Protein backbone atom coordinates (compact mmCIF):
# COMPACT_ATOMS: atom_id res chain seq x y z
CA MET A 1 -26.77 -29.91 109.89
CA VAL A 2 -27.38 -32.56 107.55
CA GLU A 3 -28.26 -30.26 104.80
CA LYS A 4 -25.12 -28.39 105.13
CA THR A 5 -23.12 -31.44 104.75
CA GLY A 6 -24.63 -32.63 101.82
CA THR A 7 -24.24 -29.23 100.12
CA ARG A 8 -20.65 -29.20 101.16
CA ALA A 9 -20.21 -32.57 100.03
CA ILE A 10 -22.03 -31.59 96.30
CA SER A 11 -19.35 -28.81 95.81
CA LEU A 12 -16.24 -30.97 96.84
CA VAL A 13 -17.48 -33.44 94.01
CA ARG A 14 -17.87 -30.57 91.80
CA SER A 15 -14.52 -29.29 92.29
CA SER A 16 -12.74 -32.58 92.50
CA ARG A 17 -14.37 -33.01 88.59
CA LYS A 18 -13.10 -29.36 87.49
CA THR A 19 -9.56 -30.73 88.76
CA GLN A 20 -9.79 -33.82 87.20
CA ILE A 21 -10.44 -32.48 83.66
CA PHE A 22 -7.75 -29.82 84.35
CA VAL A 23 -5.68 -32.42 84.94
CA ALA A 24 -6.80 -34.56 81.78
CA LEU A 25 -6.16 -31.47 79.83
CA LEU A 26 -2.91 -30.61 81.15
CA GLY A 27 -1.89 -34.62 80.70
CA ILE A 28 -2.78 -34.44 77.18
CA LEU A 29 -0.77 -31.17 76.50
CA LEU A 30 1.88 -32.51 78.34
CA VAL A 31 2.05 -35.31 75.83
CA ILE A 32 1.29 -33.54 72.63
CA THR A 33 4.34 -31.32 73.48
CA SER A 34 6.40 -34.04 74.35
CA VAL A 35 5.67 -35.62 71.14
CA VAL A 36 6.03 -32.20 69.11
CA LEU A 37 9.49 -31.90 70.92
CA LEU A 38 10.42 -35.18 70.03
CA LYS A 39 9.53 -34.49 66.42
CA ALA A 40 10.71 -31.04 65.97
CA LYS A 41 13.48 -30.37 63.70
CA THR A 42 15.55 -27.14 63.21
CA ILE A 43 16.64 -26.64 59.52
CA ASN A 44 18.57 -23.46 58.27
CA VAL A 45 16.70 -21.34 55.58
CA GLN A 46 19.12 -18.79 53.68
CA ILE A 47 16.67 -16.20 52.42
CA ASP A 48 16.69 -12.39 51.32
CA GLU A 49 20.60 -12.59 51.78
CA LYS A 50 20.13 -14.04 55.36
CA VAL A 51 20.12 -17.36 57.28
CA VAL A 52 17.11 -18.15 59.14
CA SER A 53 16.49 -20.94 61.36
CA ILE A 54 12.94 -22.32 62.06
CA THR A 55 11.88 -25.37 64.01
CA THR A 56 9.30 -27.49 62.32
CA ILE A 57 7.44 -30.44 62.92
CA SER A 58 6.63 -30.89 59.08
CA ASP A 59 7.74 -33.70 57.10
CA SER A 60 8.63 -31.59 53.81
CA VAL A 61 10.58 -28.89 53.01
CA GLY A 62 7.75 -27.22 51.09
CA SER A 63 5.12 -27.97 54.07
CA ALA A 64 7.83 -26.59 57.07
CA LEU A 65 8.35 -23.15 54.42
CA LYS A 66 4.75 -22.74 53.98
CA TYR A 67 4.25 -22.54 58.07
CA SER A 68 7.40 -20.74 58.24
CA GLY A 69 6.04 -16.97 58.31
CA LEU A 70 8.68 -16.33 55.85
CA GLY A 71 6.52 -15.43 53.20
CA VAL A 72 7.45 -17.74 50.80
CA PHE A 73 5.84 -17.71 47.01
CA PRO A 74 5.08 -21.10 45.62
CA GLU A 75 7.05 -19.57 42.27
CA ASP A 76 10.40 -19.13 44.50
CA LEU A 77 12.80 -21.43 43.82
CA VAL A 78 13.48 -23.95 46.81
CA VAL A 79 16.95 -25.96 47.25
CA PRO A 80 16.28 -29.08 47.82
CA ASP A 81 13.02 -29.07 46.35
CA ARG A 82 9.93 -28.82 48.28
CA SER A 83 9.40 -32.54 48.31
CA THR A 84 12.68 -33.21 50.12
CA GLN A 85 12.06 -34.69 53.47
CA VAL A 86 13.35 -32.61 56.51
CA GLU A 87 16.17 -33.58 58.41
CA LYS A 88 17.73 -31.71 61.64
CA GLY A 89 19.92 -29.44 60.32
CA LEU A 90 18.93 -29.22 56.78
CA GLU A 91 20.39 -26.44 54.59
CA VAL A 92 17.76 -25.11 52.38
CA SER A 93 18.09 -22.25 49.81
CA VAL A 94 14.79 -19.77 48.44
CA THR A 95 15.68 -17.61 45.72
CA ARG A 96 12.93 -15.03 45.54
CA SER A 97 10.74 -14.73 42.75
CA LEU A 98 9.77 -11.62 41.08
CA PRO A 99 6.77 -10.47 39.71
CA LEU A 100 6.37 -9.76 35.82
CA THR A 101 3.56 -9.09 33.35
CA VAL A 102 3.47 -11.04 30.37
CA LYS A 103 1.47 -9.51 27.33
CA LEU A 104 0.88 -12.02 24.51
CA ASP A 105 -0.65 -10.85 21.54
CA GLY A 106 -2.32 -8.28 23.69
CA GLN A 107 -3.66 -10.83 26.24
CA GLU A 108 -2.21 -10.04 29.82
CA TYR A 109 -0.58 -12.20 32.22
CA THR A 110 0.50 -11.78 35.70
CA SER A 111 2.80 -13.90 37.25
CA ARG A 112 6.07 -14.45 39.35
CA SER A 113 9.06 -16.22 38.21
CA ALA A 114 12.70 -17.06 39.52
CA LYS A 115 14.47 -17.06 36.30
CA SER A 116 17.60 -14.81 35.76
CA THR A 117 16.94 -13.74 32.49
CA VAL A 118 13.83 -12.77 30.67
CA GLY A 119 14.10 -16.06 28.27
CA GLU A 120 14.31 -17.90 31.15
CA ALA A 121 11.28 -16.58 32.96
CA LEU A 122 9.08 -16.58 29.70
CA GLN A 123 9.83 -20.50 29.29
CA ASP A 124 9.16 -21.06 32.75
CA LEU A 125 5.45 -18.92 32.62
CA SER A 126 4.98 -20.90 29.01
CA ASP A 127 5.25 -24.32 30.93
CA ARG A 128 3.41 -23.05 33.59
CA LEU A 129 0.40 -21.34 32.46
CA GLY A 130 0.51 -23.23 28.63
CA LEU A 131 1.07 -19.85 26.81
CA ASN A 132 2.92 -22.06 24.06
CA ILE A 133 5.72 -19.40 23.58
CA GLN A 134 8.41 -20.47 21.11
CA GLU A 135 11.54 -19.25 20.39
CA THR A 136 10.81 -18.06 17.01
CA ASP A 137 8.25 -15.51 18.65
CA GLU A 138 8.84 -11.88 18.85
CA VAL A 139 9.97 -10.57 22.34
CA ASP A 140 10.28 -6.71 22.86
CA ILE A 141 13.43 -7.15 25.38
CA ASP A 142 16.52 -9.23 24.56
CA LEU A 143 16.12 -12.66 25.85
CA GLN A 144 19.52 -12.18 27.70
CA THR A 145 18.20 -9.34 29.64
CA PRO A 146 18.38 -10.28 33.59
CA LEU A 147 14.73 -10.15 35.08
CA VAL A 148 13.91 -7.41 37.34
CA ALA A 149 11.09 -6.79 39.36
CA ASN A 150 7.77 -5.92 37.87
CA MET A 151 8.97 -6.03 34.41
CA GLU A 152 6.50 -6.06 31.40
CA ILE A 153 7.54 -8.25 28.51
CA ASP A 154 5.83 -7.64 25.24
CA VAL A 155 5.24 -11.00 22.98
CA LYS A 156 4.08 -11.28 19.74
CA LYS A 157 3.42 -14.93 18.27
CA ALA A 158 5.57 -14.98 15.13
CA VAL A 159 4.18 -17.27 11.61
CA PRO A 160 6.77 -18.68 9.26
CA ILE A 161 7.15 -16.09 5.71
CA HIS A 162 9.65 -16.92 3.00
CA VAL A 163 10.97 -14.16 1.25
CA LYS A 164 13.23 -14.26 -1.99
CA VAL A 165 15.81 -11.53 -2.37
CA ASP A 166 19.19 -10.98 -3.84
CA GLY A 167 19.66 -14.40 -5.01
CA LYS A 168 18.83 -15.56 -1.69
CA GLN A 169 16.02 -17.50 0.11
CA ILE A 170 15.25 -16.31 3.78
CA ASP A 171 12.76 -19.09 5.57
CA THR A 172 11.94 -17.24 9.04
CA TYR A 173 9.55 -16.17 11.47
CA LEU A 174 8.01 -12.95 11.95
CA ALA A 175 4.91 -11.79 14.23
CA PRO A 176 2.04 -10.48 11.79
CA ARG A 177 2.97 -7.23 10.33
CA THR A 178 2.75 -5.35 7.10
CA VAL A 179 5.26 -6.46 4.15
CA ALA A 180 6.76 -2.86 4.06
CA GLU A 181 7.19 -3.35 8.32
CA ALA A 182 8.52 -6.56 7.79
CA LEU A 183 11.18 -6.00 5.03
CA THR A 184 12.49 -3.23 7.41
CA LYS A 185 12.59 -5.61 10.28
CA LEU A 186 14.64 -8.14 7.94
CA GLY A 187 17.11 -4.99 6.80
CA ILE A 188 15.89 -5.11 3.40
CA THR A 189 15.87 -1.73 1.82
CA LEU A 190 13.93 -1.38 -1.14
CA GLY A 191 15.08 0.84 -4.18
CA GLY A 192 12.82 3.33 -5.96
CA GLN A 193 12.34 1.41 -9.08
CA ASP A 194 12.40 -2.26 -6.86
CA LYS A 195 9.53 -4.72 -7.51
CA VAL A 196 7.55 -6.42 -4.68
CA SER A 197 5.19 -9.47 -5.21
CA LEU A 198 3.12 -8.53 -2.61
CA PRO A 199 1.55 -4.81 -1.76
CA LEU A 200 3.54 -3.32 0.77
CA ASP A 201 0.56 -2.39 3.19
CA HIS A 202 -0.29 -6.43 2.79
CA ASN A 203 -0.85 -7.87 6.37
CA LEU A 204 1.39 -10.96 6.25
CA GLN A 205 -0.04 -14.46 6.96
CA GLU A 206 1.58 -17.82 7.26
CA ASN A 207 3.91 -18.78 4.95
CA ASP A 208 3.11 -16.11 2.78
CA GLU A 209 5.85 -15.71 -0.12
CA ILE A 210 7.52 -12.27 -0.63
CA GLN A 211 9.47 -11.74 -4.09
CA VAL A 212 11.88 -8.36 -4.13
CA VAL A 213 12.89 -7.97 -7.69
CA ARG A 214 16.00 -5.15 -7.91
CA VAL A 215 15.36 -2.68 -10.48
CA THR A 216 18.11 -0.80 -11.83
CA GLU A 217 18.77 1.74 -14.83
CA LYS A 218 22.20 2.56 -16.59
CA VAL A 219 22.27 5.14 -19.51
CA GLU A 220 24.78 4.27 -22.34
CA THR A 221 25.96 5.60 -25.34
CA VAL A 222 25.79 2.67 -27.71
CA THR A 223 27.76 3.70 -31.71
CA THR A 224 26.56 1.07 -34.30
CA GLU A 225 27.63 1.05 -37.91
CA ILE A 226 25.21 1.85 -40.78
CA PRO A 227 26.03 -0.63 -43.57
CA TYR A 228 26.45 0.83 -46.91
CA GLN A 229 24.46 0.29 -49.53
CA VAL A 230 25.58 -1.39 -53.22
CA VAL A 231 24.23 0.83 -56.17
CA ALA A 232 24.67 -1.38 -59.49
CA LYS A 233 25.22 0.59 -62.74
CA PRO A 234 24.98 -1.66 -66.21
CA ALA A 235 28.12 -2.39 -67.62
CA ASP A 236 29.21 -3.51 -71.07
CA PHE A 237 30.16 -7.13 -70.15
CA PRO A 238 28.20 -10.67 -69.61
CA VAL A 239 25.54 -11.15 -67.21
CA GLY A 240 26.84 -13.21 -64.49
CA PHE A 241 30.22 -12.23 -64.62
CA PRO A 242 31.47 -10.88 -60.83
CA ASP A 243 30.49 -7.22 -60.20
CA ARG A 244 33.34 -4.64 -60.90
CA ILE A 245 33.77 -2.19 -58.17
CA VAL A 246 33.90 1.46 -59.30
CA ASN A 247 33.67 2.92 -55.72
CA ARG A 248 34.11 1.28 -52.59
CA GLY A 249 31.31 1.77 -49.85
CA GLU A 250 32.15 2.91 -46.04
CA ASN A 251 29.85 2.11 -43.20
CA GLY A 252 28.17 5.25 -41.43
CA LEU A 253 28.02 5.47 -37.74
CA ASN A 254 25.15 5.99 -35.61
CA GLN A 255 25.13 7.16 -31.83
CA GLN A 256 22.38 6.44 -29.33
CA VAL A 257 21.96 7.35 -25.72
CA VAL A 258 19.94 3.86 -24.46
CA LYS A 259 18.24 3.59 -21.21
CA ILE A 260 18.89 -0.06 -20.29
CA THR A 261 16.51 -1.53 -17.56
CA TYR A 262 17.83 -4.21 -15.58
CA GLU A 263 15.90 -6.79 -13.37
CA ASP A 264 18.02 -8.75 -10.85
CA GLY A 265 20.67 -8.33 -12.99
CA GLU A 266 18.69 -9.23 -16.36
CA GLU A 267 18.29 -6.58 -19.11
CA VAL A 268 14.56 -6.38 -19.57
CA GLN A 269 14.24 -3.33 -21.61
CA ARG A 270 16.15 -0.92 -23.80
CA ASP A 271 14.82 2.75 -24.25
CA VAL A 272 16.30 5.10 -26.78
CA GLN A 273 16.66 8.42 -25.42
CA LYS A 274 18.34 10.21 -28.31
CA GLN A 275 20.04 8.97 -31.38
CA GLU A 276 22.03 11.03 -34.54
CA VAL A 277 24.30 9.85 -37.38
CA THR A 278 27.59 10.84 -36.55
CA LYS A 279 29.19 9.54 -40.10
CA THR A 280 27.00 8.83 -43.48
CA PRO A 281 27.35 5.76 -45.03
CA VAL A 282 28.87 6.30 -48.53
CA ASN A 283 27.43 3.63 -50.93
CA GLN A 284 29.69 1.59 -52.90
CA VAL A 285 29.18 1.42 -56.83
CA VAL A 286 29.75 -1.21 -58.50
CA ALA A 287 30.05 -2.27 -62.35
CA ARG A 288 27.22 -4.82 -63.27
CA GLY A 289 27.51 -7.02 -66.58
CA ALA A 290 24.42 -6.12 -68.92
CA GLN A 291 25.25 -7.97 -71.97
CA THR A 292 23.12 -10.69 -72.84
CA SER A 293 24.44 -11.46 -76.42
CA ILE A 294 28.01 -12.30 -78.22
CA SER A 295 28.72 -12.66 -81.94
CA ARG A 296 30.93 -15.61 -82.61
CA GLY A 297 31.96 -16.53 -86.06
CA GLY A 298 29.35 -14.10 -87.50
CA LYS A 299 26.61 -15.51 -85.41
CA THR A 300 24.88 -14.09 -82.75
CA ILE A 301 24.32 -16.06 -79.61
CA ASN A 302 22.31 -14.79 -77.07
CA PHE A 303 22.30 -15.98 -73.53
CA SER A 304 21.02 -15.58 -70.17
CA LYS A 305 24.23 -15.76 -68.07
CA ALA A 306 28.00 -16.42 -68.54
CA ILE A 307 30.20 -18.06 -65.88
CA VAL A 308 33.97 -18.59 -65.99
CA VAL A 309 34.78 -22.45 -65.12
CA ARG A 310 37.61 -24.62 -65.26
CA ALA A 311 37.01 -26.87 -67.95
CA SER A 312 38.26 -30.34 -68.80
CA ALA A 313 37.50 -33.40 -71.48
CA TYR A 314 36.63 -36.64 -71.78
CA SER A 315 36.28 -39.12 -74.38
CA SER A 316 35.41 -42.33 -72.71
CA GLY A 317 31.60 -43.81 -72.08
CA SER A 318 28.50 -44.47 -74.15
CA VAL A 319 25.56 -43.34 -72.01
CA THR A 320 25.10 -40.06 -70.01
CA ALA A 321 24.04 -39.31 -66.44
CA THR A 322 20.90 -38.39 -68.14
CA GLY A 323 20.18 -41.51 -70.20
CA SER A 324 21.42 -40.12 -73.97
CA SER A 325 24.12 -41.53 -75.28
CA VAL A 326 27.26 -39.60 -75.54
CA HIS A 327 28.66 -37.62 -78.60
CA TYR A 328 30.66 -34.36 -79.48
CA GLY A 329 28.75 -31.22 -77.41
CA VAL A 330 27.93 -33.45 -74.27
CA VAL A 331 28.72 -31.50 -71.54
CA ALA A 332 29.28 -32.81 -67.70
CA VAL A 333 27.91 -30.01 -65.28
CA ASP A 334 27.44 -29.97 -61.57
CA PRO A 335 23.35 -29.54 -61.79
CA ARG A 336 23.52 -26.96 -58.87
CA VAL A 337 25.35 -24.17 -60.79
CA ILE A 338 24.23 -25.27 -64.48
CA PRO A 339 20.73 -26.96 -64.76
CA LEU A 340 20.92 -30.41 -66.72
CA GLY A 341 19.13 -29.90 -69.91
CA SER A 342 20.56 -26.43 -70.27
CA SER A 343 21.58 -25.27 -73.83
CA LEU A 344 25.15 -24.22 -73.69
CA TYR A 345 27.76 -22.00 -75.31
CA VAL A 346 31.62 -22.89 -74.34
CA GLU A 347 34.38 -20.64 -75.55
CA GLY A 348 36.85 -22.74 -77.81
CA TYR A 349 34.24 -25.87 -77.98
CA GLY A 350 31.31 -24.44 -79.18
CA ASP A 351 27.59 -25.37 -78.96
CA GLY A 352 26.94 -27.42 -76.10
CA ILE A 353 24.09 -29.50 -73.95
CA ALA A 354 24.41 -30.41 -70.21
CA LEU A 355 23.68 -33.93 -70.39
CA ASP A 356 26.11 -35.30 -68.40
CA THR A 357 27.31 -35.17 -64.61
CA GLY A 358 30.97 -36.31 -62.80
CA GLY A 359 32.20 -37.01 -59.53
CA ALA A 360 35.02 -34.47 -59.45
CA ILE A 361 32.50 -32.21 -61.62
CA LYS A 362 31.49 -30.11 -58.34
CA GLY A 363 31.03 -26.17 -58.79
CA ASN A 364 32.21 -23.98 -61.40
CA ARG A 365 33.71 -27.06 -63.20
CA VAL A 366 32.54 -28.59 -66.60
CA ASP A 367 33.76 -31.71 -68.54
CA LEU A 368 33.86 -31.76 -72.34
CA TYR A 369 33.26 -34.41 -74.10
CA MET A 370 35.46 -35.18 -77.21
CA ASN A 371 35.51 -37.72 -80.12
CA SER A 372 39.05 -39.15 -79.21
CA ALA A 373 41.51 -39.52 -76.37
CA ASP A 374 44.27 -37.37 -78.24
CA ALA A 375 41.57 -34.57 -78.34
CA ALA A 376 40.43 -34.96 -74.97
CA TYR A 377 44.43 -35.04 -74.04
CA SER A 378 45.04 -31.88 -76.35
CA TRP A 379 42.37 -29.99 -74.74
CA GLY A 380 43.60 -30.41 -71.26
CA VAL A 381 42.13 -28.38 -68.25
CA ARG A 382 41.71 -24.25 -68.94
CA SER A 383 39.62 -21.71 -67.45
CA ILE A 384 36.74 -20.61 -70.23
CA VAL A 385 33.70 -18.43 -70.32
CA VAL A 386 30.31 -20.90 -70.34
CA TYR A 387 27.28 -19.15 -71.89
CA ILE A 388 23.92 -20.30 -70.93
CA LYS A 389 21.31 -19.79 -73.28
């Protein structure tokens, strides 16, 4: 009887402990539930073109969305941002990011972006992934194209190059390619004769300089004169006298077909393709003095040259420009026409010698010394022939 009573007591004690534990757990649960209910807040999330209300005990919008079950990606655009503190009735907008692949110089990068255009998405990925994509880099899709899911974008890093063409300097950026491809990309068309400073198959490198020289050709017919020749025939008048025209000459004409080559508008070469004389020149025939002696007063005077001059006379002075004393027969001359010291025969005056000069004696002028002022006055100024011996 005593054993049964002890067993029953032990059983009651055990049952009481389970009850106590259960009650304790229930109390803790009630406390937690009370705390949760007190802390819980409901916010409205606009996502996928609908509004979803979620109740959360999270402190920040980012945390609330993370555990919301809405499948929000880290790249999705959240407004207000994820660090915003949760408040009851807060309105949250989520713009879904789209998956895309960027191939940068052959290297693929797969990510997501919530930006609306290709250009904005590339800048977004460049900033987040450290791709250093620049505005000058070449993209196979227009940067203003709206972004769509699973878009594949090819980007090639560009390098600076410099092109001189048609009088313009073009400083631009292009992805590495051949010179020929670069010119096509820039809309520069080469003519068949144009010259390029780099080979067309040369692969561009940073700061390469390309100069395009425009080469053009033009064929012209050019007519030029063929100067006539002067043919002199000896004549019976003094050497030194002006030639006398017997038959006037006429220039001929030569016609050439010429190919002219220009580089950037400047003539660099002329090639004669064909030529012919269309008019033969006619020589001019002149009579040229051949007489070298004359007879005066029964005396033969030999000379090397005869010239027509204007002759004046003077009688003053005592010493000539050459230092000799003045006397009849002294002739003042222009040394550029008649060398000083030359022996002369002067028509109407007689023998003389070029020993003096004068300020007014220039060109075909001479001044003859007379022994008196009356003789000089009587001579006056006249045209005569001077024979230089």
